[in-house]
Amino acid sequence: MSLVGAGPGDPGLITVRGLRRIMEADVVVYDSLVNPVLLRHARAGIPLFYVGKRRGRLIMAQDAINALLVSMAREGKRVCRLKGGDPFVFGRGGEESLALAGAGVPFEIVPGVSSAVAVPCYAGIPVTHRGVSSAFHVVTGHENPAHTDSSVDWDRLAQSRDTLVVMMGLTHLSGIARRLRQGGRPGYTPAAVIANGTLPEQETIVGTLDTIAENVAQKAIVSPAILIVGDVVRLRESLSWFERGACAENSEVPAFELISLLDARDIDACAAWRADADVSGHALFREPAFQCLDRVSWIVFASATGVDAFFDRLNDSGMDARALSELRIAALDPATANRLRRHGICPDLISPCASAAVLMESLLESRNGRRKVFLLPGVETASADLARGLRSQGAEVVAAYTG
């Protein structure tokens, strides 16, 4: 029995161990904030139980969820309980693990990347920063801050100058801001609300404790959303990266990671490395890389820039896409697949979440027990140490350049 943190939303942020538990499971029980892309990696035909809870909508009471987990685990099934973020950060993972422990069911906790830190990160807001904030507090905003019996000590938080991260606080946003001001936090304190954090539709609204509720109301923001209060919000002006599309076309996962995974499964990796793009004196791929096409079964592209570089050199060598007609093509993410299509290639395989581990599993399924050779072009500048390391592990490295 595994309680697994699925991460904050971006499916690429799940841990390797968490992804492995999904792949191995006999049944997956998942929540509403779990990215459905992750469910594609469960084995075909296994039961998928949705037990999500959102405001105003309750699929299954918590006691019933606990009983379901205990029952399936006692049947000897490998159960993956998939929860958004981290199981122990407002995820009721403690309640579920206590129920399992009380029933004598062995279990493990697979931590996840919590949205409390990941979502501000994706908005360019560090929750701590030297000289600005040396600590941060994470609280739930689910309760009405006007209630005297609230479990959150708003007065203490209002007196602090540390960063405040409020989860599930959109409904009570106006009341939370008012309560903090009443407790002593200045109205000019920077604040931000981040909706759909780490997802392509992420949106960040910035203001102060005086203005943030009105600013959010004007934008008609809906949950899930996180409130950040503190001077660190000002750093967003310089550090915002995700919403500016800094990685939209060049979201690279190092292909040497895929090589090591393939090598662990006794598969040859024919890796073609590239030198720095500005070093015009070095050929990106020399003849050995293209000469090995006759024994390559798959070409696996790890980045959009790698696609362009590969086809530039292919054309320079007097060849075109017809040279790949007998090969199968894989892309590590949708952006890379789109770039391949611009060159007239429709990939045979696309990893939906930029995960080398996921793509590796798909490639393994494709080989049907036969050894195959993989060509991986487009990695960032490879060091001689890395090339030697790959060779020492039995991987075949071709056209390795260090710049």
Protein backbone atom coordinates (compact mmCIF):
# COMPACT_ATOMS: atom_id res chain seq x y z
CA MET A 1 0.00 0.00 0.00
CA SER A 2 1.53 3.30 -1.11
CA LEU A 3 0.32 6.81 -0.33
CA VAL A 4 1.88 8.80 -3.17
CA GLY A 5 2.21 12.54 -3.62
CA ALA A 6 1.40 13.42 -7.23
CA GLY A 7 2.95 16.88 -7.04
CA PRO A 8 1.39 20.31 -7.60
CA GLY A 9 -0.14 19.81 -11.06
CA ASP A 10 2.60 19.66 -13.67
CA PRO A 11 2.86 15.88 -14.27
CA GLY A 12 6.61 16.22 -14.79
CA LEU A 13 7.01 17.11 -11.11
CA ILE A 14 6.07 13.71 -9.72
CA THR A 15 8.95 11.82 -8.14
CA VAL A 16 10.53 8.82 -9.85
CA ARG A 17 9.39 6.60 -6.98
CA GLY A 18 5.86 7.95 -7.20
CA LEU A 19 5.67 7.27 -10.93
CA ARG A 20 6.98 3.76 -10.38
CA ARG A 21 4.22 3.09 -7.86
CA ILE A 22 1.59 4.15 -10.39
CA MET A 23 3.07 1.82 -13.00
CA GLU A 24 3.22 -1.13 -10.60
CA ALA A 25 -0.23 -0.69 -9.04
CA ASP A 26 -3.13 -3.13 -9.25
CA VAL A 27 -5.51 -0.28 -8.42
CA VAL A 28 -5.18 3.52 -8.23
CA VAL A 29 -7.30 5.65 -5.90
CA TYR A 30 -6.90 9.32 -6.83
CA ASP A 31 -8.01 12.82 -5.85
CA SER A 32 -9.40 15.76 -7.78
CA LEU A 33 -6.14 17.72 -8.02
CA VAL A 34 -4.18 14.83 -9.53
CA ASN A 35 -3.24 15.56 -13.14
CA PRO A 36 -5.08 12.94 -15.26
CA VAL A 37 -1.98 12.60 -17.44
CA LEU A 38 -0.42 10.58 -14.63
CA LEU A 39 -3.21 8.00 -14.81
CA ARG A 40 -2.13 7.12 -18.35
CA HIS A 41 0.91 5.42 -16.86
CA ALA A 42 -1.12 2.92 -14.89
CA ARG A 43 -1.28 -0.56 -16.36
CA ALA A 44 -4.07 -1.04 -18.89
CA GLY A 45 -7.33 -2.33 -17.47
CA ILE A 46 -6.69 -1.79 -13.76
CA PRO A 47 -9.44 -0.11 -11.65
CA LEU A 48 -9.14 3.66 -11.21
CA PHE A 49 -11.19 5.01 -8.29
CA TYR A 50 -11.93 8.74 -8.18
CA VAL A 51 -12.57 9.88 -4.61
CA GLY A 52 -11.91 13.60 -5.01
CA LYS A 53 -13.32 16.28 -2.78
CA ARG A 54 -13.86 19.85 -3.94
CA ARG A 55 -15.88 22.59 -2.27
CA GLY A 56 -19.54 21.71 -2.62
CA ARG A 57 -18.83 18.31 -4.21
CA LEU A 58 -18.11 15.19 -2.19
CA ILE A 59 -17.68 11.89 -4.03
CA MET A 60 -16.86 9.79 -0.96
CA ALA A 61 -16.60 10.60 2.74
CA GLN A 62 -13.16 10.28 4.33
CA ASP A 63 -14.20 7.32 6.49
CA ALA A 64 -15.39 5.51 3.37
CA ILE A 65 -12.10 6.23 1.61
CA ASN A 66 -10.20 4.82 4.59
CA ALA A 67 -12.34 1.68 4.54
CA LEU A 68 -11.85 1.29 0.76
CA LEU A 69 -8.07 1.46 1.10
CA VAL A 70 -8.01 -1.06 3.93
CA SER A 71 -10.32 -3.45 2.08
CA MET A 72 -8.32 -3.44 -1.16
CA ALA A 73 -5.00 -3.77 0.63
CA ARG A 74 -6.28 -6.76 2.59
CA GLU A 75 -7.18 -8.41 -0.72
CA GLY A 76 -3.47 -8.43 -1.51
CA LYS A 77 -3.66 -5.73 -4.16
CA ARG A 78 -0.89 -3.25 -4.76
CA VAL A 79 -2.78 -0.04 -4.05
CA CYS A 80 -1.52 3.37 -5.15
CA ARG A 81 -3.33 6.11 -3.24
CA LEU A 82 -2.53 9.12 -5.41
CA LYS A 83 -2.91 12.52 -3.75
CA GLY A 84 -2.23 16.01 -5.05
CA GLY A 85 0.89 17.72 -3.75
CA ASP A 86 2.32 15.92 -0.73
CA PRO A 87 0.21 13.41 1.23
CA PHE A 88 1.04 15.06 4.57
CA VAL A 89 0.49 18.71 3.55
CA PHE A 90 -3.26 19.28 3.88
CA GLY A 91 -3.80 16.01 2.04
CA ARG A 92 -5.31 13.92 4.85
CA GLY A 93 -2.52 11.47 4.31
CA GLY A 94 -2.05 11.31 8.07
CA GLU A 95 -5.64 10.24 8.58
CA GLU A 96 -5.43 7.56 5.92
CA SER A 97 -2.12 6.19 7.12
CA LEU A 98 -3.44 6.05 10.70
CA ALA A 99 -6.44 4.07 9.45
CA LEU A 100 -4.09 1.65 7.66
CA ALA A 101 -1.87 1.34 10.70
CA GLY A 102 -4.88 0.68 12.92
CA ALA A 103 -6.00 -2.08 10.56
CA GLY A 104 -2.55 -3.68 10.54
CA VAL A 105 -1.99 -2.89 6.85
CA PRO A 106 1.65 -2.26 5.86
CA PHE A 107 2.09 0.98 3.95
CA GLU A 108 4.66 3.47 2.69
CA ILE A 109 4.53 7.22 2.19
CA VAL A 110 6.00 8.56 -1.07
CA PRO A 111 6.50 12.31 -0.55
CA GLY A 112 5.39 14.68 -3.27
CA VAL A 113 6.38 18.19 -4.31
CA SER A 114 4.05 20.40 -2.29
CA SER A 115 2.19 23.17 -4.06
CA ALA A 116 3.00 25.35 -1.03
CA VAL A 117 6.52 25.84 -2.40
CA ALA A 118 6.24 24.70 -6.03
CA VAL A 119 3.45 27.07 -7.07
CA PRO A 120 5.18 30.21 -5.75
CA CYS A 121 8.35 28.95 -7.45
CA TYR A 122 6.55 28.71 -10.79
CA ALA A 123 5.28 32.26 -10.25
CA GLY A 124 8.82 33.54 -9.63
CA ILE A 125 8.23 34.05 -5.89
CA PRO A 126 10.77 32.41 -3.55
CA VAL A 127 9.14 31.72 -0.18
CA THR A 128 12.46 32.56 1.50
CA HIS A 129 15.14 34.96 0.35
CA ARG A 130 18.19 36.27 2.15
CA GLY A 131 17.58 39.74 3.51
CA VAL A 132 13.85 39.55 2.76
CA SER A 133 12.36 36.56 4.56
CA SER A 134 14.14 33.86 6.55
CA ALA A 135 11.05 31.72 7.22
CA PHE A 136 7.62 30.94 5.87
CA HIS A 137 4.32 29.72 7.27
CA VAL A 138 1.86 27.45 5.46
CA VAL A 139 -1.74 27.53 6.66
CA THR A 140 -5.14 26.53 5.40
CA GLY A 141 -7.55 29.22 4.31
CA HIS A 142 -10.49 26.83 4.29
CA GLU A 143 -11.90 28.22 7.55
CA ASN A 144 -13.58 31.59 7.81
CA PRO A 145 -10.98 33.85 9.49
CA ALA A 146 -13.78 35.84 11.18
CA HIS A 147 -14.72 32.88 13.35
CA THR A 148 -13.31 33.11 16.86
CA ASP A 149 -12.76 29.34 17.02
CA SER A 150 -10.52 29.23 13.92
CA SER A 151 -7.64 26.76 14.20
CA VAL A 152 -5.35 29.32 12.52
CA ASP A 153 -3.76 31.93 14.79
CA TRP A 154 -4.24 34.88 12.47
CA ASP A 155 -3.10 37.38 15.09
CA ARG A 156 0.28 35.71 15.41
CA LEU A 157 0.67 35.48 11.63
CA ALA A 158 -0.29 39.13 11.27
CA GLN A 159 2.47 40.18 13.66
CA SER A 160 5.08 38.14 11.80
CA ARG A 161 7.05 39.50 8.88
CA ASP A 162 7.73 36.04 7.48
CA THR A 163 6.25 34.87 4.20
CA LEU A 164 2.70 33.55 4.55
CA VAL A 165 1.39 30.85 2.19
CA VAL A 166 -2.36 30.31 2.42
CA MET A 167 -3.72 27.17 0.79
CA MET A 168 -7.37 26.86 -0.25
CA GLY A 169 -8.00 30.49 0.69
CA LEU A 170 -9.71 31.85 -2.40
CA THR A 171 -13.25 31.71 -0.98
CA HIS A 172 -12.24 33.66 2.13
CA LEU A 173 -9.63 35.86 0.42
CA SER A 174 -11.27 39.16 1.36
CA GLY A 175 -11.73 38.07 4.97
CA ILE A 176 -8.16 36.77 5.24
CA ALA A 177 -6.71 40.04 3.96
CA ARG A 178 -8.92 42.02 6.33
CA ARG A 179 -8.01 39.80 9.28
CA LEU A 180 -4.29 40.20 8.64
CA ARG A 181 -4.64 43.98 8.41
CA GLN A 182 -6.62 44.06 11.62
CA GLY A 183 -3.92 42.00 13.31
CA GLY A 184 -1.18 44.43 12.37
CA ARG A 185 0.11 43.59 8.89
CA PRO A 186 0.32 46.82 6.90
CA GLY A 187 -2.16 47.17 4.06
CA TYR A 188 0.70 47.89 1.69
CA THR A 189 2.20 44.41 2.26
CA PRO A 190 2.69 42.75 -1.17
CA ALA A 191 0.38 39.84 -1.94
CA ALA A 192 -0.21 37.51 -4.86
CA VAL A 193 -2.81 34.92 -5.79
CA ILE A 194 -1.68 32.13 -8.11
CA ALA A 195 -4.34 30.04 -9.85
CA ASN A 196 -3.73 26.71 -11.60
CA GLY A 197 -0.14 26.74 -10.45
CA THR A 198 2.48 24.85 -12.52
CA LEU A 199 -0.05 24.21 -15.30
CA PRO A 200 -0.04 25.90 -18.73
CA GLU A 201 -3.06 28.01 -17.71
CA GLN A 202 -1.31 29.34 -14.60
CA GLU A 203 -2.25 32.94 -13.79
CA THR A 204 -0.83 35.23 -11.13
CA ILE A 205 -2.58 38.31 -9.74
CA VAL A 206 -0.40 40.72 -7.76
CA GLY A 207 -1.47 43.44 -5.34
CA THR A 208 -1.30 44.31 -1.66
CA LEU A 209 -3.36 43.28 1.33
CA ASP A 210 -5.47 46.35 0.60
CA THR A 211 -6.10 45.51 -3.07
CA ILE A 212 -5.59 41.79 -3.68
CA ALA A 213 -9.22 40.72 -3.12
CA GLU A 214 -10.54 43.34 -5.53
CA ASN A 215 -7.85 42.56 -8.11
CA VAL A 216 -8.72 38.87 -8.01
CA ALA A 217 -12.46 39.57 -8.25
CA GLN A 218 -11.89 41.60 -11.40
CA LYS A 219 -10.08 38.67 -13.02
CA ALA A 220 -12.72 36.11 -12.00
CA ILE A 221 -10.05 33.72 -10.71
CA VAL A 222 -11.30 30.30 -9.64
CA SER A 223 -9.74 27.59 -7.47
CA PRO A 224 -7.35 25.92 -7.06
CA ALA A 225 -5.40 28.99 -6.02
CA ILE A 226 -2.78 29.93 -3.44
CA LEU A 227 -2.30 33.24 -1.62
CA ILE A 228 1.24 34.49 -0.92
CA VAL A 229 1.75 37.41 1.47
CA GLY A 230 5.10 39.07 2.09
CA ASP A 231 7.88 41.16 0.62
CA VAL A 232 9.14 38.21 -1.43
CA VAL A 233 6.27 38.88 -3.84
CA ARG A 234 8.22 41.87 -5.16
CA LEU A 235 10.90 39.52 -6.50
CA ARG A 236 8.43 38.25 -9.07
CA GLU A 237 9.15 41.30 -11.23
CA SER A 238 12.63 39.90 -11.87
CA LEU A 239 12.15 36.18 -11.35
CA SER A 240 8.93 35.37 -13.19
CA TRP A 241 9.87 32.69 -15.70
CA PHE A 242 7.08 30.20 -16.28
CA GLU A 243 4.35 32.58 -17.40
CA ARG A 244 6.81 34.35 -19.68
CA GLY A 245 7.25 31.09 -21.57
CA ALA A 246 10.94 30.75 -20.80
CA CYS A 247 10.76 26.99 -21.26
CA ALA A 248 7.81 26.64 -23.61
CA GLU A 249 9.87 25.55 -26.61
CA ASN A 250 12.98 24.31 -24.85
CA SER A 251 11.78 22.21 -21.94
CA GLU A 252 14.65 19.76 -21.93
CA VAL A 253 15.08 16.64 -19.86
CA PRO A 254 18.69 15.48 -20.17
CA ALA A 255 18.84 12.62 -22.61
CA PHE A 256 21.77 11.11 -20.72
CA GLU A 257 19.16 10.27 -18.05
CA LEU A 258 17.30 8.24 -20.67
CA ILE A 259 20.56 6.61 -21.77
CA SER A 260 21.31 5.46 -18.23
CA LEU A 261 17.80 4.06 -17.85
CA LEU A 262 18.04 2.20 -21.14
CA ASP A 263 21.47 0.91 -20.26
CA ALA A 264 20.15 -0.45 -16.96
CA ARG A 265 17.78 -2.58 -19.04
CA ASP A 266 20.63 -3.91 -21.22
CA ILE A 267 19.75 -1.79 -24.26
CA ASP A 268 22.39 -0.19 -26.44
CA ALA A 269 22.32 3.59 -26.52
CA CYS A 270 23.89 5.25 -29.56
CA ALA A 271 24.23 8.79 -28.26
CA ALA A 272 25.07 11.73 -30.50
CA TRP A 273 26.07 14.74 -28.45
CA ARG A 274 26.16 18.32 -29.64
CA ALA A 275 28.69 21.03 -29.01
CA ASP A 276 27.82 24.60 -28.06
CA ALA A 277 25.67 26.13 -30.78
CA ASP A 278 28.06 29.08 -31.06
CA VAL A 279 31.09 26.90 -31.82
CA SER A 280 30.75 26.90 -35.59
CA GLY A 281 34.10 25.18 -36.06
CA HIS A 282 32.77 21.87 -34.76
CA ALA A 283 30.38 19.76 -36.74
CA LEU A 284 27.24 19.10 -34.70
CA PHE A 285 27.02 15.56 -35.91
CA ARG A 286 29.78 14.04 -37.99
CA GLU A 287 29.47 11.12 -40.29
CA PRO A 288 29.67 8.44 -37.54
CA ALA A 289 26.33 9.57 -36.16
CA PHE A 290 24.65 9.32 -39.55
CA GLN A 291 26.53 6.20 -40.53
CA CYS A 292 24.98 4.41 -37.55
CA LEU A 293 21.47 5.03 -38.87
CA ASP A 294 21.52 1.66 -40.61
CA ARG A 295 21.69 -0.10 -37.25
CA VAL A 296 19.46 2.29 -35.29
CA SER A 297 15.88 1.29 -34.54
CA TRP A 298 14.73 4.42 -32.72
CA ILE A 299 15.79 8.06 -32.72
CA VAL A 300 14.78 9.71 -29.46
CA PHE A 301 14.68 13.53 -29.44
CA ALA A 302 14.98 15.21 -26.05
CA SER A 303 14.44 18.85 -27.05
CA ALA A 304 13.06 21.12 -29.75
CA THR A 305 16.48 22.69 -30.25
CA GLY A 306 17.97 19.24 -30.70
CA VAL A 307 15.46 18.54 -33.47
CA ASP A 308 16.50 21.66 -35.39
CA ALA A 309 20.19 20.92 -34.91
CA PHE A 310 19.79 17.35 -36.11
CA PHE A 311 17.96 18.30 -39.29
CA ASP A 312 20.37 21.13 -40.02
CA ARG A 313 23.26 18.69 -40.01
CA LEU A 314 21.25 16.06 -41.85
CA ASN A 315 20.62 18.55 -44.66
CA ASP A 316 24.23 19.71 -44.62
CA SER A 317 25.23 16.08 -45.22
CA GLY A 318 23.11 15.95 -48.38
CA MET A 319 20.29 13.97 -46.78
CA ASP A 320 16.74 14.74 -45.76
CA ALA A 321 13.89 13.18 -43.79
CA ARG A 322 13.79 10.23 -46.22
CA ALA A 323 16.91 8.92 -44.47
CA LEU A 324 14.71 8.22 -41.47
CA SER A 325 12.01 6.31 -43.34
CA GLU A 326 12.94 2.94 -41.83
CA LEU A 327 13.30 4.27 -38.28
CA ARG A 328 10.86 5.00 -35.49
CA ILE A 329 10.89 8.43 -33.87
CA ALA A 330 10.19 9.32 -30.24
CA ALA A 331 9.85 12.74 -28.58
CA LEU A 332 10.41 13.48 -24.93
CA ASP A 333 7.66 16.11 -24.70
CA PRO A 334 4.89 17.71 -26.79
CA ALA A 335 7.02 20.77 -27.67
CA THR A 336 9.66 18.50 -29.19
CA ALA A 337 6.97 16.58 -31.07
CA ASN A 338 5.62 19.83 -32.53
CA ARG A 339 9.09 20.77 -33.74
CA LEU A 340 9.44 17.37 -35.42
CA ARG A 341 6.17 17.94 -37.26
CA ARG A 342 7.61 21.18 -38.67
CA HIS A 343 10.28 19.01 -40.27
CA GLY A 344 7.66 16.69 -41.72
CA ILE A 345 8.03 13.95 -39.11
CA CYS A 346 5.09 12.64 -37.09
CA PRO A 347 6.58 10.96 -34.00
CA ASP A 348 5.67 7.36 -33.30
CA LEU A 349 5.87 7.94 -29.57
CA ILE A 350 5.48 11.05 -27.37
CA SER A 351 5.98 11.19 -23.62
CA PRO A 352 3.10 13.36 -22.32
CA CYS A 353 4.94 14.59 -19.23
CA ALA A 354 8.59 15.14 -20.26
CA SER A 355 9.67 12.15 -18.20
CA ALA A 356 12.65 10.09 -19.29
CA ALA A 357 11.46 7.26 -17.04
CA VAL A 358 8.02 7.18 -18.67
CA LEU A 359 9.45 7.31 -22.17
CA MET A 360 11.88 4.54 -21.31
CA GLU A 361 9.04 2.26 -20.26
CA SER A 362 7.23 2.91 -23.52
CA LEU A 363 10.36 2.21 -25.52
CA LEU A 364 10.86 -1.03 -23.63
CA GLU A 365 7.34 -2.14 -24.48
CA SER A 366 8.04 -1.44 -28.15
CA ARG A 367 11.01 -3.77 -28.49
CA ASN A 368 9.14 -7.05 -27.93
CA GLY A 369 12.09 -8.76 -26.31
CA ARG A 370 14.56 -7.86 -29.08
CA ARG A 371 17.65 -5.73 -28.53
CA LYS A 372 17.47 -2.43 -30.34
CA VAL A 373 19.80 0.51 -30.75
CA PHE A 374 18.69 4.02 -29.85
CA LEU A 375 20.15 7.24 -31.23
CA LEU A 376 19.69 10.22 -28.87
CA PRO A 377 20.63 13.51 -30.53
CA GLY A 378 20.31 17.00 -29.11
CA VAL A 379 21.73 16.85 -25.60
CA GLU A 380 23.33 20.01 -24.18
CA THR A 381 27.12 20.13 -24.25
CA ALA A 382 28.44 16.79 -23.00
CA SER A 383 31.55 16.64 -20.86
CA ALA A 384 34.36 14.17 -21.45
CA ASP A 385 33.68 12.79 -17.98
CA LEU A 386 30.08 12.01 -18.89
CA ALA A 387 31.15 10.34 -22.14
CA ARG A 388 33.68 8.19 -20.26
CA GLY A 389 31.05 7.38 -17.65
CA LEU A 390 28.60 6.19 -20.28
CA ARG A 391 31.23 4.05 -21.96
CA SER A 392 32.22 2.54 -18.63
CA GLN A 393 28.63 1.42 -18.22
CA GLY A 394 28.59 -0.24 -21.63
CA ALA A 395 26.68 2.44 -23.53
CA GLU A 396 27.89 3.20 -27.03
CA VAL A 397 28.72 6.89 -27.40
CA VAL A 398 29.20 8.37 -30.83
CA ALA A 399 30.25 11.89 -31.85
CA ALA A 400 30.83 13.06 -28.28
CA TYR A 401 32.06 16.65 -28.24
CA THR A 402 33.05 18.87 -25.35
CA GLY A 403 32.91 22.18 -27.19
